[in-house]
N, C-alpha and C. Protein backbone atom coordinates (compact mmCIF):
# COMPACT_ATOMS: atom_id res chain seq x y z
N MET A 1 -10.02 9.09 -16.69
CA MET A 1 -9.39 10.26 -17.28
C MET A 1 -8.13 10.60 -16.48
N ILE A 2 -7.06 10.92 -17.20
CA ILE A 2 -5.79 11.28 -16.57
C ILE A 2 -5.85 12.75 -16.18
N ALA A 3 -5.44 13.07 -14.95
CA ALA A 3 -5.43 14.46 -14.49
C ALA A 3 -4.32 15.22 -15.21
N MET A 4 -4.68 16.34 -15.80
CA MET A 4 -3.71 17.19 -16.49
C MET A 4 -3.27 18.30 -15.54
N GLN A 5 -2.00 18.71 -15.68
CA GLN A 5 -1.45 19.77 -14.84
C GLN A 5 -0.75 20.80 -15.72
N ILE A 6 -0.59 22.00 -15.19
CA ILE A 6 0.15 23.03 -15.90
C ILE A 6 1.57 22.51 -16.15
N GLY A 7 2.03 22.69 -17.38
CA GLY A 7 3.36 22.21 -17.77
C GLY A 7 3.32 20.88 -18.49
N ASP A 8 2.21 20.14 -18.38
CA ASP A 8 2.09 18.85 -19.09
C ASP A 8 1.96 19.08 -20.59
N LEU A 9 2.44 18.12 -21.36
CA LEU A 9 2.22 18.13 -22.80
C LEU A 9 0.93 17.39 -23.08
N ALA A 10 0.09 17.99 -23.92
CA ALA A 10 -1.22 17.39 -24.20
C ALA A 10 -1.50 17.44 -25.69
N LYS A 11 -2.27 16.45 -26.16
CA LYS A 11 -2.67 16.38 -27.56
C LYS A 11 -4.20 16.42 -27.63
N TYR A 12 -4.72 17.29 -28.49
CA TYR A 12 -6.15 17.37 -28.73
C TYR A 12 -6.51 16.24 -29.69
N ARG A 13 -7.38 15.35 -29.26
CA ARG A 13 -7.70 14.14 -30.04
C ARG A 13 -8.28 14.43 -31.42
N ASN A 14 -9.08 15.47 -31.55
CA ASN A 14 -9.78 15.71 -32.82
C ASN A 14 -8.87 16.16 -33.95
N THR A 15 -7.84 16.94 -33.65
CA THR A 15 -6.97 17.47 -34.71
C THR A 15 -5.52 17.04 -34.58
N GLY A 16 -5.13 16.53 -33.42
CA GLY A 16 -3.74 16.16 -33.20
C GLY A 16 -2.87 17.31 -32.76
N SER A 17 -3.47 18.49 -32.50
CA SER A 17 -2.69 19.63 -32.02
C SER A 17 -2.04 19.27 -30.69
N VAL A 18 -0.76 19.60 -30.59
CA VAL A 18 0.00 19.30 -29.37
C VAL A 18 0.52 20.60 -28.79
N GLY A 19 0.44 20.72 -27.47
CA GLY A 19 0.96 21.91 -26.82
C GLY A 19 1.23 21.65 -25.35
N LYS A 20 1.86 22.63 -24.75
CA LYS A 20 2.12 22.58 -23.31
C LYS A 20 0.99 23.33 -22.62
N ILE A 21 0.45 22.75 -21.57
CA ILE A 21 -0.64 23.39 -20.83
C ILE A 21 -0.08 24.57 -20.05
N GLU A 22 -0.59 25.77 -20.36
CA GLU A 22 -0.15 26.98 -19.69
C GLU A 22 -1.07 27.40 -18.56
N GLU A 23 -2.33 27.00 -18.66
CA GLU A 23 -3.31 27.44 -17.66
C GLU A 23 -4.44 26.43 -17.61
N LEU A 24 -5.00 26.25 -16.43
CA LEU A 24 -6.20 25.42 -16.25
C LEU A 24 -7.26 26.30 -15.61
N MET A 25 -8.51 26.17 -16.09
CA MET A 25 -9.59 26.93 -15.46
C MET A 25 -10.87 26.10 -15.45
N GLU A 26 -11.68 26.37 -14.47
CA GLU A 26 -12.98 25.70 -14.32
C GLU A 26 -14.06 26.67 -14.80
N ASP A 27 -15.00 26.14 -15.59
CA ASP A 27 -16.13 26.95 -16.04
C ASP A 27 -17.31 26.03 -16.32
N GLU A 28 -18.42 26.31 -15.68
CA GLU A 28 -19.65 25.54 -15.86
C GLU A 28 -19.45 24.04 -15.69
N GLY A 29 -18.66 23.68 -14.69
CA GLY A 29 -18.46 22.27 -14.37
C GLY A 29 -17.45 21.55 -15.25
N LYS A 30 -16.79 22.26 -16.14
CA LYS A 30 -15.76 21.64 -16.99
C LYS A 30 -14.41 22.27 -16.69
N THR A 31 -13.38 21.50 -16.91
CA THR A 31 -12.02 22.01 -16.76
C THR A 31 -11.47 22.25 -18.16
N TRP A 32 -10.91 23.43 -18.35
CA TRP A 32 -10.36 23.83 -19.64
C TRP A 32 -8.86 24.05 -19.51
N ALA A 33 -8.12 23.65 -20.54
CA ALA A 33 -6.66 23.81 -20.55
C ALA A 33 -6.26 24.70 -21.72
N LEU A 34 -5.41 25.67 -21.44
CA LEU A 34 -4.88 26.55 -22.48
C LEU A 34 -3.58 25.95 -23.00
N LEU A 35 -3.53 25.68 -24.32
CA LEU A 35 -2.30 25.14 -24.93
C LEU A 35 -1.49 26.29 -25.52
N ASP A 36 -0.18 26.26 -25.28
CA ASP A 36 0.69 27.35 -25.72
C ASP A 36 0.81 27.47 -27.23
N THR A 37 0.73 26.38 -27.96
CA THR A 37 0.96 26.43 -29.40
C THR A 37 -0.21 26.96 -30.19
N THR A 38 -1.41 26.83 -29.66
CA THR A 38 -2.60 27.31 -30.38
C THR A 38 -3.22 28.53 -29.71
N ASN A 39 -2.87 28.75 -28.44
CA ASN A 39 -3.46 29.82 -27.64
C ASN A 39 -4.97 29.66 -27.54
N LEU A 40 -5.43 28.40 -27.50
CA LEU A 40 -6.85 28.07 -27.38
C LEU A 40 -7.07 27.22 -26.14
N TYR A 41 -8.27 27.31 -25.60
CA TYR A 41 -8.67 26.47 -24.47
C TYR A 41 -9.35 25.21 -24.99
N TYR A 42 -9.03 24.07 -24.37
CA TYR A 42 -9.61 22.78 -24.73
C TYR A 42 -10.21 22.14 -23.49
N ASP A 43 -11.36 21.51 -23.66
CA ASP A 43 -11.96 20.72 -22.59
C ASP A 43 -10.97 19.59 -22.30
N VAL A 44 -10.53 19.45 -21.06
CA VAL A 44 -9.50 18.45 -20.75
C VAL A 44 -9.96 17.03 -21.07
N SER A 45 -11.26 16.81 -21.16
CA SER A 45 -11.74 15.46 -21.51
C SER A 45 -11.44 15.13 -22.97
N THR A 46 -11.07 16.13 -23.78
CA THR A 46 -10.72 15.90 -25.19
C THR A 46 -9.21 15.84 -25.40
N LEU A 47 -8.45 15.92 -24.30
CA LEU A 47 -6.99 15.91 -24.39
C LEU A 47 -6.44 14.58 -23.89
N GLU A 48 -5.28 14.23 -24.43
CA GLU A 48 -4.56 13.05 -23.95
C GLU A 48 -3.10 13.43 -23.80
N PRO A 49 -2.34 12.73 -22.99
CA PRO A 49 -0.92 13.04 -22.84
C PRO A 49 -0.19 12.93 -24.18
N ALA A 50 0.74 13.84 -24.41
CA ALA A 50 1.54 13.84 -25.64
C ALA A 50 2.97 13.47 -25.31
N LYS A 51 3.66 12.92 -26.30
CA LYS A 51 5.07 12.58 -26.15
C LYS A 51 5.92 13.82 -26.43
N PRO A 52 7.05 13.95 -25.77
CA PRO A 52 7.91 15.13 -25.99
C PRO A 52 8.28 15.33 -27.46
N GLU A 53 8.48 14.25 -28.22
CA GLU A 53 8.86 14.39 -29.63
C GLU A 53 7.72 14.92 -30.50
N GLU A 54 6.49 14.91 -29.98
CA GLU A 54 5.35 15.45 -30.72
C GLU A 54 5.20 16.95 -30.54
N TYR A 55 5.89 17.50 -29.55
CA TYR A 55 5.73 18.91 -29.18
C TYR A 55 6.71 19.80 -29.91
N ARG A 56 6.19 20.88 -30.45
CA ARG A 56 7.01 21.94 -31.05
C ARG A 56 6.62 23.22 -30.34
N GLU A 57 7.61 23.99 -29.93
CA GLU A 57 7.32 25.19 -29.14
C GLU A 57 6.61 26.28 -29.92
N GLU A 58 6.67 26.22 -31.23
CA GLU A 58 5.96 27.22 -32.01
C GLU A 58 4.81 26.55 -32.75
N SER A 59 3.75 27.28 -32.91
CA SER A 59 2.59 26.71 -33.58
C SER A 59 2.83 26.62 -35.08
N THR A 60 1.98 25.85 -35.74
CA THR A 60 2.06 25.74 -37.19
C THR A 60 1.89 27.10 -37.82
N GLY A 61 0.98 27.88 -37.29
CA GLY A 61 0.77 29.23 -37.82
C GLY A 61 2.01 30.08 -37.71
N ASP A 62 2.72 29.98 -36.59
CA ASP A 62 3.96 30.72 -36.42
C ASP A 62 5.00 30.27 -37.42
N ARG A 63 5.10 28.95 -37.63
CA ARG A 63 6.07 28.45 -38.60
C ARG A 63 5.71 28.94 -40.00
N ASP A 64 4.45 28.89 -40.35
CA ASP A 64 4.03 29.37 -41.66
C ASP A 64 4.37 30.84 -41.82
N LEU A 65 4.12 31.63 -40.78
CA LEU A 65 4.42 33.05 -40.84
C LEU A 65 5.91 33.28 -40.98
N LYS A 66 6.72 32.55 -40.22
CA LYS A 66 8.17 32.71 -40.32
C LYS A 66 8.66 32.34 -41.72
N ASP A 67 8.10 31.27 -42.30
CA ASP A 67 8.48 30.88 -43.65
C ASP A 67 8.10 31.97 -44.65
N LYS A 68 6.91 32.55 -44.48
CA LYS A 68 6.46 33.62 -45.39
C LYS A 68 7.35 34.85 -45.25
N LEU A 69 7.75 35.18 -44.02
CA LEU A 69 8.63 36.33 -43.82
C LEU A 69 10.00 36.09 -44.46
N LYS A 70 10.53 34.88 -44.31
CA LYS A 70 11.81 34.56 -44.95
C LYS A 70 11.70 34.71 -46.46
N GLU A 71 10.60 34.22 -47.03
CA GLU A 71 10.39 34.33 -48.47
C GLU A 71 10.27 35.79 -48.89
N ALA A 72 9.57 36.60 -48.10
CA ALA A 72 9.41 38.02 -48.42
C ALA A 72 10.77 38.73 -48.40
N TYR A 73 11.60 38.43 -47.39
CA TYR A 73 12.94 39.04 -47.33
C TYR A 73 13.79 38.59 -48.52
N ARG A 74 13.69 37.33 -48.90
CA ARG A 74 14.45 36.82 -50.04
C ARG A 74 14.03 37.55 -51.32
N ILE A 75 12.73 37.72 -51.51
CA ILE A 75 12.23 38.42 -52.70
C ILE A 75 12.66 39.87 -52.69
N ARG A 76 12.64 40.50 -51.50
CA ARG A 76 13.06 41.89 -51.40
C ARG A 76 14.53 42.05 -51.77
N GLU A 77 15.36 41.12 -51.33
CA GLU A 77 16.78 41.16 -51.69
C GLU A 77 16.97 40.97 -53.19
N GLN A 78 16.22 40.05 -53.78
CA GLN A 78 16.31 39.84 -55.22
C GLN A 78 15.89 41.09 -55.97
N TYR A 79 14.84 41.75 -55.50
CA TYR A 79 14.35 42.97 -56.13
C TYR A 79 15.41 44.07 -56.05
N ALA A 80 16.05 44.21 -54.90
CA ALA A 80 17.10 45.22 -54.75
C ALA A 80 18.27 44.92 -55.69
N ASP A 81 18.65 43.65 -55.80
CA ASP A 81 19.72 43.27 -56.72
C ASP A 81 19.33 43.59 -58.16
N MET A 82 18.07 43.32 -58.51
CA MET A 82 17.59 43.57 -59.86
C MET A 82 17.59 45.07 -60.15
N GLN A 83 17.16 45.89 -59.18
CA GLN A 83 17.17 47.34 -59.37
C GLN A 83 18.59 47.85 -59.60
N GLU A 84 19.52 47.31 -58.85
CA GLU A 84 20.92 47.72 -59.00
C GLU A 84 21.44 47.35 -60.39
N ALA A 85 21.11 46.15 -60.84
CA ALA A 85 21.55 45.70 -62.16
C ALA A 85 20.92 46.55 -63.26
N ILE A 86 19.66 46.90 -63.11
CA ILE A 86 18.96 47.70 -64.12
C ILE A 86 19.55 49.11 -64.17
N SER A 87 19.93 49.65 -63.03
CA SER A 87 20.46 51.02 -63.01
C SER A 87 21.80 51.13 -63.73
N SER A 88 22.48 50.02 -63.91
CA SER A 88 23.78 50.06 -64.60
C SER A 88 23.66 49.80 -66.10
N ILE A 89 22.45 49.57 -66.58
CA ILE A 89 22.25 49.33 -68.02
C ILE A 89 22.27 50.68 -68.74
N THR A 90 23.03 50.76 -69.80
CA THR A 90 23.10 51.96 -70.61
C THR A 90 22.23 51.76 -71.84
N PRO A 91 21.20 52.58 -71.97
CA PRO A 91 20.34 52.40 -73.14
C PRO A 91 21.06 52.85 -74.41
N SER A 92 20.88 52.11 -75.45
CA SER A 92 21.44 52.50 -76.74
C SER A 92 20.42 52.14 -77.81
N GLY A 93 20.35 52.95 -78.79
CA GLY A 93 19.36 52.72 -79.84
C GLY A 93 20.03 52.60 -81.19
N ALA A 94 19.31 52.09 -82.12
CA ALA A 94 19.84 51.90 -83.47
C ALA A 94 19.41 53.04 -84.37
N GLY A 95 18.79 54.04 -83.82
CA GLY A 95 18.24 55.04 -84.71
C GLY A 95 18.76 56.36 -84.54
């Protein structure tokens, strides 16, 4: 087993999650590593070294949230434009 250190890039074998090790702790005879991208602890025996190109500083969840926020802002702008356009419509009837 390769010794992991704080600052190393690591990949969790089961899911492929990649992150930078922020903390190492010992508990009940096991060493656990906290990955920055998931904010979860992993048994270091389930981690392997990761390549720099595999690492993204933000987690998938963060990216999904940022994409959702961008979409929400886009929809809000469209709604405001639509309200402005509707307010300039002059109703007219045939009766």
